[in-house]
Amino acid sequence: MAAYSELNIEQYSTFNTTINVEDPSGEAVNLYGYTAASQMRKSYYSTSSNTLTATITGNANGEITLSMTAANTALLSPGRFMYDLVITTGSTKTRVVEGIINVLPGVTQ
């Protein structure tokens, strides 16, 4: 079962957050040989999505960074979105985290 985490993205700002992937016993998962992908959508049934850049930043300690540039967050509409993070090795895909992203409106562009 995927962990749940609520995130906030400030419109017009650079976004970065770190996710630490752990096994059921709480040990870091070695992500060598894995890829990571993440998307956000208005609902589970939305056909359009926004990509969160998912970069494995620490193979041995299970660290993945999710990010968006300020130019990309400027394109987001304020509101609530759903997201998840999936890691893949070979033909095995595992959802490691899911939750809500709150896009907070910005003023200074």
PDB file of N, CA and C in Angstrom:
ATOM      1  N   MET A   1       0.832  -1.178   0.000  1.00  0.00           N
ATOM      2  CA  MET A   1       0.000   0.000   0.000  1.00  0.00           C
ATOM      3  C   MET A   1       0.881   1.246   0.000  1.00  0.00           C
ATOM      4  N   ALA A   2       0.516   2.213  -0.820  1.00  0.00           N
ATOM      5  CA  ALA A   2       1.282   3.449  -0.939  1.00  0.00           C
ATOM      6  C   ALA A   2       1.082   4.333   0.293  1.00  0.00           C
ATOM      7  N   ALA A   3       2.121   5.066   0.638  1.00  0.00           N
ATOM      8  CA  ALA A   3       2.018   6.056   1.713  1.00  0.00           C
ATOM      9  C   ALA A   3       1.185   7.228   1.210  1.00  0.00           C
ATOM     10  N   TYR A   4       0.607   7.996   2.142  1.00  0.00           N
ATOM     11  CA  TYR A   4      -0.186   9.162   1.794  1.00  0.00           C
ATOM     12  C   TYR A   4       0.562  10.414   2.241  1.00  0.00           C
ATOM     13  N   SER A   5       0.619  11.418   1.358  1.00  0.00           N
ATOM     14  CA  SER A   5       1.265  12.677   1.710  1.00  0.00           C
ATOM     15  C   SER A   5       0.564  13.821   0.987  1.00  0.00           C
ATOM     16  N   GLU A   6       0.250  14.875   1.725  1.00  0.00           N
ATOM     17  CA  GLU A   6      -0.360  16.064   1.142  1.00  0.00           C
ATOM     18  C   GLU A   6       0.742  17.091   0.895  1.00  0.00           C
ATOM     19  N   LEU A   7       0.751  17.676  -0.313  1.00  0.00           N
ATOM     20  CA  LEU A   7       1.775  18.638  -0.707  1.00  0.00           C
ATOM     21  C   LEU A   7       1.137  19.965  -1.091  1.00  0.00           C
ATOM     22  N   ASN A   8       1.903  21.051  -0.982  1.00  0.00           N
ATOM     23  CA  ASN A   8       1.486  22.369  -1.441  1.00  0.00           C
ATOM     24  C   ASN A   8       2.461  22.850  -2.503  1.00  0.00           C
ATOM     25  N   ILE A   9       1.917  23.357  -3.601  1.00  0.00           N
ATOM     26  CA  ILE A   9       2.720  23.989  -4.642  1.00  0.00           C
ATOM     27  C   ILE A   9       2.267  25.433  -4.739  1.00  0.00           C
ATOM     28  N   GLU A  10       3.200  26.357  -4.644  1.00  0.00           N
ATOM     29  CA  GLU A  10       2.889  27.778  -4.786  1.00  0.00           C
ATOM     30  C   GLU A  10       3.029  28.157  -6.255  1.00  0.00           C
ATOM     31  N   GLN A  11       1.938  28.654  -6.831  1.00  0.00           N
ATOM     32  CA  GLN A  11       1.926  29.066  -8.227  1.00  0.00           C
ATOM     33  C   GLN A  11       3.015  30.129  -8.453  1.00  0.00           C
ATOM     34  N   TYR A  12       3.710  30.063  -9.590  1.00  0.00           N
ATOM     35  CA  TYR A  12       4.791  30.981 -10.003  1.00  0.00           C
ATOM     36  C   TYR A  12       6.090  30.788  -9.223  1.00  0.00           C
ATOM     37  N   SER A  13       6.189  29.733  -8.425  1.00  0.00           N
ATOM     38  CA  SER A  13       7.405  29.466  -7.653  1.00  0.00           C
ATOM     39  C   SER A  13       7.985  28.110  -8.034  1.00  0.00           C
ATOM     40  N   THR A  14       9.285  27.967  -7.856  1.00  0.00           N
ATOM     41  CA  THR A  14       9.933  26.675  -8.056  1.00  0.00           C
ATOM     42  C   THR A  14       9.498  25.737  -6.938  1.00  0.00           C
ATOM     43  N   PHE A  15       9.184  24.500  -7.301  1.00  0.00           N
ATOM     44  CA  PHE A  15       8.731  23.504  -6.328  1.00  0.00           C
ATOM     45  C   PHE A  15       9.725  22.357  -6.260  1.00  0.00           C
ATOM     46  N   ASN A  16      10.109  21.959  -5.060  1.00  0.00           N
ATOM     47  CA  ASN A  16      10.957  20.791  -4.808  1.00  0.00           C
ATOM     48  C   ASN A  16      10.527  20.145  -3.511  1.00  0.00           C
ATOM     49  N   THR A  17      10.443  18.826  -3.496  1.00  0.00           N
ATOM     50  CA  THR A  17      10.232  18.092  -2.256  1.00  0.00           C
ATOM     51  C   THR A  17      10.928  16.746  -2.377  1.00  0.00           C
ATOM     52  N   THR A  18      11.356  16.208  -1.260  1.00  0.00           N
ATOM     53  CA  THR A  18      12.062  14.926  -1.253  1.00  0.00           C
ATOM     54  C   THR A  18      11.180  13.855  -0.639  1.00  0.00           C
ATOM     55  N   ILE A  19      11.125  12.708  -1.303  1.00  0.00           N
ATOM     56  CA  ILE A  19      10.393  11.539  -0.830  1.00  0.00           C
ATOM     57  C   ILE A  19      11.434  10.460  -0.505  1.00  0.00           C
ATOM     58  N   ASN A  20      11.318   9.839   0.658  1.00  0.00           N
ATOM     59  CA  ASN A  20      12.202   8.738   1.028  1.00  0.00           C
ATOM     60  C   ASN A  20      11.414   7.437   0.962  1.00  0.00           C
ATOM     61  N   VAL A  21      11.826   6.543   0.069  1.00  0.00           N
ATOM     62  CA  VAL A  21      11.129   5.276  -0.144  1.00  0.00           C
ATOM     63  C   VAL A  21      11.665   4.246   0.841  1.00  0.00           C
ATOM     64  N   GLU A  22      10.741   3.654   1.614  1.00  0.00           N
ATOM     65  CA  GLU A  22      11.115   2.652   2.617  1.00  0.00           C
ATOM     66  C   GLU A  22      10.324   1.372   2.404  1.00  0.00           C
ATOM     67  N   ASP A  23      10.915   0.257   2.811  1.00  0.00           N
ATOM     68  CA  ASP A  23      10.196  -1.015   2.764  1.00  0.00           C
ATOM     69  C   ASP A  23       9.294  -1.110   4.003  1.00  0.00           C
ATOM     70  N   PRO A  24       8.464  -2.165   4.110  1.00  0.00           N
ATOM     71  CA  PRO A  24       7.539  -2.263   5.248  1.00  0.00           C
ATOM     72  C   PRO A  24       8.201  -2.244   6.624  1.00  0.00           C
ATOM     73  N   SER A  25       9.487  -2.615   6.694  1.00  0.00           N
ATOM     74  CA  SER A  25      10.172  -2.600   7.988  1.00  0.00           C
ATOM     75  C   SER A  25      10.816  -1.254   8.300  1.00  0.00           C
ATOM     76  N   GLY A  26      10.656  -0.280   7.385  1.00  0.00           N
ATOM     77  CA  GLY A  26      11.206   1.051   7.623  1.00  0.00           C
ATOM     78  C   GLY A  26      12.608   1.273   7.101  1.00  0.00           C
ATOM     79  N   GLU A  27      13.162   0.285   6.408  1.00  0.00           N
ATOM     80  CA  GLU A  27      14.497   0.406   5.830  1.00  0.00           C
ATOM     81  C   GLU A  27      14.416   1.074   4.465  1.00  0.00           C
ATOM     82  N   ALA A  28      15.423   1.885   4.130  1.00  0.00           N
ATOM     83  CA  ALA A  28      15.461   2.550   2.831  1.00  0.00           C
ATOM     84  C   ALA A  28      15.566   1.513   1.713  1.00  0.00           C
ATOM     85  N   VAL A  29      14.821   1.732   0.638  1.00  0.00           N
ATOM     86  CA  VAL A  29      14.867   0.856  -0.529  1.00  0.00           C
ATOM     87  C   VAL A  29      16.005   1.325  -1.427  1.00  0.00           C
ATOM     88  N   ASN A  30      16.883   0.405  -1.830  1.00  0.00           N
ATOM     89  CA  ASN A  30      17.944   0.737  -2.775  1.00  0.00           C
ATOM     90  C   ASN A  30      17.309   0.871  -4.154  1.00  0.00           C
ATOM     91  N   LEU A  31      17.365   2.054  -4.739  1.00  0.00           N
ATOM     92  CA  LEU A  31      16.690   2.344  -6.002  1.00  0.00           C
ATOM     93  C   LEU A  31      17.586   2.186  -7.225  1.00  0.00           C
ATOM     94  N   TYR A  32      18.739   1.526  -7.056  1.00  0.00           N
ATOM     95  CA  TYR A  32      19.606   1.292  -8.208  1.00  0.00           C
ATOM     96  C   TYR A  32      18.844   0.463  -9.244  1.00  0.00           C
ATOM     97  N   GLY A  33      18.816   0.928 -10.480  1.00  0.00           N
ATOM     98  CA  GLY A  33      18.129   0.216 -11.560  1.00  0.00           C
ATOM     99  C   GLY A  33      16.653   0.582 -11.693  1.00  0.00           C
ATOM    100  N   TYR A  34      16.150   1.461 -10.836  1.00  0.00           N
ATOM    101  CA  TYR A  34      14.754   1.901 -10.896  1.00  0.00           C
ATOM    102  C   TYR A  34      14.635   3.201 -11.685  1.00  0.00           C
ATOM    103  N   THR A  35      13.443   3.453 -12.194  1.00  0.00           N
ATOM    104  CA  THR A  35      13.067   4.764 -12.704  1.00  0.00           C
ATOM    105  C   THR A  35      11.879   5.242 -11.883  1.00  0.00           C
ATOM    106  N   ALA A  36      11.625   6.544 -11.926  1.00  0.00           N
ATOM    107  CA  ALA A  36      10.518   7.109 -11.163  1.00  0.00           C
ATOM    108  C   ALA A  36       9.700   8.024 -12.064  1.00  0.00           C
ATOM    109  N   ALA A  37       8.387   8.051 -11.832  1.00  0.00           N
ATOM    110  CA  ALA A  37       7.485   8.911 -12.600  1.00  0.00           C
ATOM    111  C   ALA A  37       6.375   9.411 -11.693  1.00  0.00           C
ATOM    112  N   SER A  38       5.922  10.648 -11.950  1.00  0.00           N
ATOM    113  CA  SER A  38       4.869  11.232 -11.125  1.00  0.00           C
ATOM    114  C   SER A  38       4.013  12.169 -11.967  1.00  0.00           C
ATOM    115  N   GLN A  39       2.703  12.105 -11.734  1.00  0.00           N
ATOM    116  CA  GLN A  39       1.756  12.994 -12.402  1.00  0.00           C
ATOM    117  C   GLN A  39       0.746  13.510 -11.394  1.00  0.00           C
ATOM    118  N   MET A  40       0.148  14.650 -11.738  1.00  0.00           N
ATOM    119  CA  MET A  40      -0.966  15.177 -10.962  1.00  0.00           C
ATOM    120  C   MET A  40      -2.138  15.413 -11.912  1.00  0.00           C
ATOM    121  N   ARG A  41      -3.347  15.148 -11.401  1.00  0.00           N
ATOM    122  CA  ARG A  41      -4.571  15.311 -12.181  1.00  0.00           C
ATOM    123  C   ARG A  41      -5.647  15.901 -11.284  1.00  0.00           C
ATOM    124  N   LYS A  42      -6.634  16.539 -11.891  1.00  0.00           N
ATOM    125  CA  LYS A  42      -7.740  17.128 -11.131  1.00  0.00           C
ATOM    126  C   LYS A  42      -8.557  16.036 -10.443  1.00  0.00           C
ATOM    127  N   SER A  43      -8.706  14.882 -11.084  1.00  0.00           N
ATOM    128  CA  SER A  43      -9.393  13.743 -10.482  1.00  0.00           C
ATOM    129  C   SER A  43      -8.800  12.470 -11.071  1.00  0.00           C
ATOM    130  N   TYR A  44      -9.193  11.344 -10.509  1.00  0.00           N
ATOM    131  CA  TYR A  44      -8.713  10.059 -11.040  1.00  0.00           C
ATOM    132  C   TYR A  44      -9.117   9.875 -12.500  1.00  0.00           C
ATOM    133  N   TYR A  45     -10.191  10.514 -12.910  1.00  0.00           N
ATOM    134  CA  TYR A  45     -10.769  10.297 -14.229  1.00  0.00           C
ATOM    135  C   TYR A  45     -10.380  11.355 -15.244  1.00  0.00           C
ATOM    136  N   SER A  46      -9.578  12.337 -14.851  1.00  0.00           N
ATOM    137  CA  SER A  46      -9.145  13.392 -15.778  1.00  0.00           C
ATOM    138  C   SER A  46      -8.279  12.807 -16.881  1.00  0.00           C
ATOM    139  N   THR A  47      -8.503  13.281 -18.097  1.00  0.00           N
ATOM    140  CA  THR A  47      -7.668  12.834 -19.212  1.00  0.00           C
ATOM    141  C   THR A  47      -6.413  13.679 -19.351  1.00  0.00           C
ATOM    142  N   SER A  48      -6.427  14.895 -18.809  1.00  0.00           N
ATOM    143  CA  SER A  48      -5.233  15.742 -18.870  1.00  0.00           C
ATOM    144  C   SER A  48      -4.467  15.629 -17.547  1.00  0.00           C
ATOM    145  N   SER A  49      -3.162  15.806 -17.654  1.00  0.00           N
ATOM    146  CA  SER A  49      -2.312  15.689 -16.461  1.00  0.00           C
ATOM    147  C   SER A  49      -1.174  16.692 -16.541  1.00  0.00           C
ATOM    148  N   ASN A  50      -0.531  16.913 -15.427  1.00  0.00           N
ATOM    149  CA  ASN A  50       0.697  17.682 -15.339  1.00  0.00           C
ATOM    150  C   ASN A  50       1.760  16.760 -14.772  1.00  0.00           C
ATOM    151  N   THR A  51       2.952  16.847 -15.326  1.00  0.00           N
ATOM    152  CA  THR A  51       4.041  15.987 -14.880  1.00  0.00           C
ATOM    153  C   THR A  51       4.851  16.674 -13.790  1.00  0.00           C
ATOM    154  N   LEU A  52       5.089  15.941 -12.731  1.00  0.00           N
ATOM    155  CA  LEU A  52       6.059  16.343 -11.722  1.00  0.00           C
ATOM    156  C   LEU A  52       7.361  15.627 -12.087  1.00  0.00           C
ATOM    157  N   THR A  53       8.439  16.356 -12.223  1.00  0.00           N
ATOM    158  CA  THR A  53       9.716  15.710 -12.535  1.00  0.00           C
ATOM    159  C   THR A  53      10.131  14.880 -11.331  1.00  0.00           C
ATOM    160  N   ALA A  54      10.322  13.587 -11.545  1.00  0.00           N
ATOM    161  CA  ALA A  54      10.705  12.662 -10.476  1.00  0.00           C
ATOM    162  C   ALA A  54      12.136  12.187 -10.751  1.00  0.00           C
ATOM    163  N   THR A  55      13.065  12.604  -9.893  1.00  0.00           N
ATOM    164  CA  THR A  55      14.481  12.289 -10.074  1.00  0.00           C
ATOM    165  C   THR A  55      14.976  11.486  -8.879  1.00  0.00           C
ATOM    166  N   ILE A  56      15.573  10.339  -9.155  1.00  0.00           N
ATOM    167  CA  ILE A  56      16.181   9.551  -8.076  1.00  0.00           C
ATOM    168  C   ILE A  56      17.482  10.249  -7.704  1.00  0.00           C
ATOM    169  N   THR A  57      17.522  10.812  -6.509  1.00  0.00           N
ATOM    170  CA  THR A  57      18.667  11.611  -6.066  1.00  0.00           C
ATOM    171  C   THR A  57      19.545  10.869  -5.062  1.00  0.00           C
ATOM    172  N   GLY A  58      19.104   9.705  -4.625  1.00  0.00           N
ATOM    173  CA  GLY A  58      19.890   8.901  -3.689  1.00  0.00           C
ATOM    174  C   GLY A  58      19.540   7.433  -3.853  1.00  0.00           C
ATOM    175  N   ASN A  59      20.271   6.714  -4.705  1.00  0.00           N
ATOM    176  CA  ASN A  59      19.966   5.300  -4.935  1.00  0.00           C
ATOM    177  C   ASN A  59      19.974   4.489  -3.650  1.00  0.00           C
ATOM    178  N   ALA A  60      21.063   4.568  -2.896  1.00  0.00           N
ATOM    179  CA  ALA A  60      21.229   3.709  -1.728  1.00  0.00           C
ATOM    180  C   ALA A  60      20.270   4.052  -0.593  1.00  0.00           C
ATOM    181  N   ASN A  61      19.895   5.335  -0.472  1.00  0.00           N
ATOM    182  CA  ASN A  61      19.024   5.709   0.651  1.00  0.00           C
ATOM    183  C   ASN A  61      17.571   5.919   0.240  1.00  0.00           C
ATOM    184  N   GLY A  62      17.195   5.508  -0.975  1.00  0.00           N
ATOM    185  CA  GLY A  62      15.799   5.548  -1.398  1.00  0.00           C
ATOM    186  C   GLY A  62      15.227   6.936  -1.572  1.00  0.00           C
ATOM    187  N   GLU A  63      16.052   7.889  -1.978  1.00  0.00           N
ATOM    188  CA  GLU A  63      15.613   9.282  -2.058  1.00  0.00           C
ATOM    189  C   GLU A  63      15.209   9.672  -3.478  1.00  0.00           C
ATOM    190  N   ILE A  64      14.007  10.242  -3.589  1.00  0.00           N
ATOM    191  CA  ILE A  64      13.491  10.741  -4.864  1.00  0.00           C
ATOM    192  C   ILE A  64      13.063  12.189  -4.656  1.00  0.00           C
ATOM    193  N   THR A  65      13.435  13.060  -5.594  1.00  0.00           N
ATOM    194  CA  THR A  65      13.025  14.458  -5.535  1.00  0.00           C
ATOM    195  C   THR A  65      11.960  14.705  -6.593  1.00  0.00           C
ATOM    196  N   LEU A  66      10.832  15.290  -6.165  1.00  0.00           N
ATOM    197  CA  LEU A  66       9.785  15.741  -7.078  1.00  0.00           C
ATOM    198  C   LEU A  66       9.970  17.235  -7.260  1.00  0.00           C
ATOM    199  N   SER A  67       9.866  17.710  -8.509  1.00  0.00           N
ATOM    200  CA  SER A  67      10.083  19.129  -8.749  1.00  0.00           C
ATOM    201  C   SER A  67       9.271  19.636  -9.932  1.00  0.00           C
ATOM    202  N   MET A  68       9.082  20.951  -9.953  1.00  0.00           N
ATOM    203  CA  MET A  68       8.497  21.683 -11.073  1.00  0.00           C
ATOM    204  C   MET A  68       9.185  23.040 -11.131  1.00  0.00           C
ATOM    205  N   THR A  69       9.416  23.523 -12.341  1.00  0.00           N
ATOM    206  CA  THR A  69       9.995  24.849 -12.495  1.00  0.00           C
ATOM    207  C   THR A  69       8.935  25.911 -12.230  1.00  0.00           C
ATOM    208  N   ALA A  70       9.378  27.135 -11.975  1.00  0.00           N
ATOM    209  CA  ALA A  70       8.443  28.245 -11.778  1.00  0.00           C
ATOM    210  C   ALA A  70       7.592  28.451 -13.031  1.00  0.00           C
ATOM    211  N   ALA A  71       8.182  28.250 -14.205  1.00  0.00           N
ATOM    212  CA  ALA A  71       7.417  28.394 -15.457  1.00  0.00           C
ATOM    213  C   ALA A  71       6.292  27.362 -15.528  1.00  0.00           C
ATOM    214  N   ASN A  72       6.539  26.161 -15.030  1.00  0.00           N
ATOM    215  CA  ASN A  72       5.505  25.114 -15.047  1.00  0.00           C
ATOM    216  C   ASN A  72       4.444  25.343 -13.979  1.00  0.00           C
ATOM    217  N   THR A  73       4.836  25.803 -12.783  1.00  0.00           N
ATOM    218  CA  THR A  73       3.819  26.054 -11.757  1.00  0.00           C
ATOM    219  C   THR A  73       2.933  27.237 -12.148  1.00  0.00           C
ATOM    220  N   ALA A  74       3.459  28.152 -12.972  1.00  0.00           N
ATOM    221  CA  ALA A  74       2.659  29.284 -13.453  1.00  0.00           C
ATOM    222  C   ALA A  74       1.500  28.816 -14.328  1.00  0.00           C
ATOM    223  N   LEU A  75       1.643  27.652 -14.951  1.00  0.00           N
ATOM    224  CA  LEU A  75       0.604  27.118 -15.832  1.00  0.00           C
ATOM    225  C   LEU A  75      -0.492  26.368 -15.078  1.00  0.00           C
ATOM    226  N   LEU A  76      -0.279  26.118 -13.784  1.00  0.00           N
ATOM    227  CA  LEU A  76      -1.258  25.380 -12.985  1.00  0.00           C
ATOM    228  C   LEU A  76      -2.395  26.292 -12.537  1.00  0.00           C
ATOM    229  N   SER A  77      -3.594  25.755 -12.534  1.00  0.00           N
ATOM    230  CA  SER A  77      -4.740  26.473 -11.971  1.00  0.00           C
ATOM    231  C   SER A  77      -4.771  26.223 -10.472  1.00  0.00           C
ATOM    232  N   PRO A  78      -5.055  27.244  -9.673  1.00  0.00           N
ATOM    233  CA  PRO A  78      -5.165  27.021  -8.239  1.00  0.00           C
ATOM    234  C   PRO A  78      -6.263  26.000  -7.927  1.00  0.00           C
ATOM    235  N   GLY A  79      -6.060  25.212  -6.886  1.00  0.00           N
ATOM    236  CA  GLY A  79      -7.053  24.229  -6.480  1.00  0.00           C
ATOM    237  C   GLY A  79      -6.409  22.950  -5.992  1.00  0.00           C
ATOM    238  N   ARG A  80      -7.248  21.920  -5.836  1.00  0.00           N
ATOM    239  CA  ARG A  80      -6.799  20.615  -5.324  1.00  0.00           C
ATOM    240  C   ARG A  80      -6.619  19.638  -6.483  1.00  0.00           C
ATOM    241  N   PHE A  81      -5.546  18.901  -6.432  1.00  0.00           N
ATOM    242  CA  PHE A  81      -5.230  17.892  -7.432  1.00  0.00           C
ATOM    243  C   PHE A  81      -4.839  16.605  -6.724  1.00  0.00           C
ATOM    244  N   MET A  82      -4.901  15.500  -7.435  1.00  0.00           N
ATOM    245  CA  MET A  82      -4.428  14.215  -6.930  1.00  0.00           C
ATOM    246  C   MET A  82      -3.086  13.926  -7.609  1.00  0.00           C
ATOM    247  N   TYR A  83      -2.224  13.221  -6.900  1.00  0.00           N
ATOM    248  CA  TYR A  83      -0.938  12.848  -7.496  1.00  0.00           C
ATOM    249  C   TYR A  83      -0.517  11.484  -6.975  1.00  0.00           C
ATOM    250  N   ASP A  84       0.444  10.893  -7.665  1.00  0.00           N
ATOM    251  CA  ASP A  84       1.118   9.718  -7.130  1.00  0.00           C
ATOM    252  C   ASP A  84       2.538   9.671  -7.678  1.00  0.00           C
ATOM    253  N   LEU A  85       3.332   8.791  -7.085  1.00  0.00           N
ATOM    254  CA  LEU A  85       4.715   8.562  -7.483  1.00  0.00           C
ATOM    255  C   LEU A  85       4.876   7.065  -7.666  1.00  0.00           C
ATOM    256  N   VAL A  86       5.319   6.666  -8.861  1.00  0.00           N
ATOM    257  CA  VAL A  86       5.478   5.253  -9.202  1.00  0.00           C
ATOM    258  C   VAL A  86       6.941   4.990  -9.525  1.00  0.00           C
ATOM    259  N   ILE A  87       7.487   3.904  -8.944  1.00  0.00           N
ATOM    260  CA  ILE A  87       8.841   3.475  -9.298  1.00  0.00           C
ATOM    261  C   ILE A  87       8.719   2.200 -10.127  1.00  0.00           C
ATOM    262  N   THR A  88       9.650   2.049 -11.066  1.00  0.00           N
ATOM    263  CA  THR A  88       9.616   0.912 -11.982  1.00  0.00           C
ATOM    264  C   THR A  88      10.989   0.261 -12.050  1.00  0.00           C
ATOM    265  N   THR A  89      10.998  -1.063 -11.984  1.00  0.00           N
ATOM    266  CA  THR A  89      12.192  -1.839 -12.269  1.00  0.00           C
ATOM    267  C   THR A  89      11.756  -3.025 -13.116  1.00  0.00           C
ATOM    268  N   GLY A  90      12.376  -3.171 -14.274  1.00  0.00           N
ATOM    269  CA  GLY A  90      11.932  -4.222 -15.194  1.00  0.00           C
ATOM    270  C   GLY A  90      10.476  -3.994 -15.561  1.00  0.00           C
ATOM    271  N   SER A  91       9.637  -5.006 -15.378  1.00  0.00           N
ATOM    272  CA  SER A  91       8.207  -4.875 -15.679  1.00  0.00           C
ATOM    273  C   SER A  91       7.372  -4.646 -14.417  1.00  0.00           C
ATOM    274  N   THR A  92       8.033  -4.432 -13.277  1.00  0.00           N
ATOM    275  CA  THR A  92       7.325  -4.239 -12.015  1.00  0.00           C
ATOM    276  C   THR A  92       7.194  -2.758 -11.683  1.00  0.00           C
ATOM    277  N   LYS A  93       5.948  -2.319 -11.523  1.00  0.00           N
ATOM    278  CA  LYS A  93       5.663  -0.939 -11.127  1.00  0.00           C
ATOM    279  C   LYS A  93       5.080  -0.943  -9.722  1.00  0.00           C
ATOM    280  N   THR A  94       5.543  -0.002  -8.897  1.00  0.00           N
ATOM    281  CA  THR A  94       5.068   0.100  -7.523  1.00  0.00           C
ATOM    282  C   THR A  94       4.724   1.545  -7.220  1.00  0.00           C
ATOM    283  N   ARG A  95       3.489   1.792  -6.761  1.00  0.00           N
ATOM    284  CA  ARG A  95       3.105   3.128  -6.318  1.00  0.00           C
ATOM    285  C   ARG A  95       3.609   3.271  -4.888  1.00  0.00           C
ATOM    286  N   VAL A  96       4.488   4.239  -4.648  1.00  0.00           N
ATOM    287  CA  VAL A  96       5.088   4.373  -3.322  1.00  0.00           C
ATOM    288  C   VAL A  96       4.458   5.490  -2.496  1.00  0.00           C
ATOM    289  N   VAL A  97       3.888   6.488  -3.147  1.00  0.00           N
ATOM    290  CA  VAL A  97       3.214   7.564  -2.422  1.00  0.00           C
ATOM    291  C   VAL A  97       2.096   8.117  -3.295  1.00  0.00           C
ATOM    292  N   GLU A  98       1.029   8.571  -2.632  1.00  0.00           N
ATOM    293  CA  GLU A  98      -0.092   9.197  -3.320  1.00  0.00           C
ATOM    294  C   GLU A  98      -0.687  10.225  -2.379  1.00  0.00           C
ATOM    295  N   GLY A  99      -1.494  11.127  -2.926  1.00  0.00           N
ATOM    296  CA  GLY A  99      -2.120  12.109  -2.060  1.00  0.00           C
ATOM    297  C   GLY A  99      -2.707  13.265  -2.818  1.00  0.00           C
ATOM    298  N   ILE A 100      -2.847  14.376  -2.107  1.00  0.00           N
ATOM    299  CA  ILE A 100      -3.435  15.603  -2.624  1.00  0.00           C
ATOM    300  C   ILE A 100      -2.331  16.651  -2.772  1.00  0.00           C
ATOM    301  N   ILE A 101      -2.395  17.405  -3.856  1.00  0.00           N
ATOM    302  CA  ILE A 101      -1.560  18.583  -4.027  1.00  0.00           C
ATOM    303  C   ILE A 101      -2.484  19.788  -4.024  1.00  0.00           C
ATOM    304  N   ASN A 102      -2.197  20.732  -3.168  1.00  0.00           N
ATOM    305  CA  ASN A 102      -2.910  22.006  -3.143  1.00  0.00           C
ATOM    306  C   ASN A 102      -2.068  23.017  -3.913  1.00  0.00           C
ATOM    307  N   VAL A 103      -2.614  23.546  -5.006  1.00  0.00           N
ATOM    308  CA  VAL A 103      -1.925  24.591  -5.746  1.00  0.00           C
ATOM    309  C   VAL A 103      -2.442  25.922  -5.194  1.00  0.00           C
ATOM    310  N   LEU A 104      -1.528  26.660  -4.578  1.00  0.00           N
ATOM    311  CA  LEU A 104      -1.858  27.920  -3.928  1.00  0.00           C
ATOM    312  C   LEU A 104      -1.652  29.069  -4.921  1.00  0.00           C
ATOM    313  N   PRO A 105      -2.655  29.937  -5.094  1.00  0.00           N
ATOM    314  CA  PRO A 105      -2.539  30.995  -6.092  1.00  0.00           C
ATOM    315  C   PRO A 105      -1.444  31.991  -5.726  1.00  0.00           C
ATOM    316  N   GLY A 106      -0.807  32.520  -6.767  1.00  0.00           N
ATOM    317  CA  GLY A 106       0.234  33.528  -6.576  1.00  0.00           C
ATOM    318  C   GLY A 106      -0.210  34.876  -7.099  1.00  0.00           C
ATOM    319  N   VAL A 107       0.469  35.914  -6.676  1.00  0.00           N
ATOM    320  CA  VAL A 107       0.155  37.272  -7.115  1.00  0.00           C
ATOM    321  C   VAL A 107       1.277  37.796  -8.008  1.00  0.00           C
ATOM    322  N   THR A 108       2.498  37.740  -7.505  1.00  0.00           N
ATOM    323  CA  THR A 108       3.637  38.256  -8.266  1.00  0.00           C
ATOM    324  C   THR A 108       4.041  37.255  -9.327  1.00  0.00           C
ATOM    325  N   GLN A 109       4.004  37.711 -10.576  1.00  0.00           N
ATOM    326  CA  GLN A 109       4.327  36.826 -11.694  1.00  0.00           C
ATOM    327  C   GLN A 109       5.640  37.241 -12.273  1.00  0.00           C
TER     328      GLN A 109
END
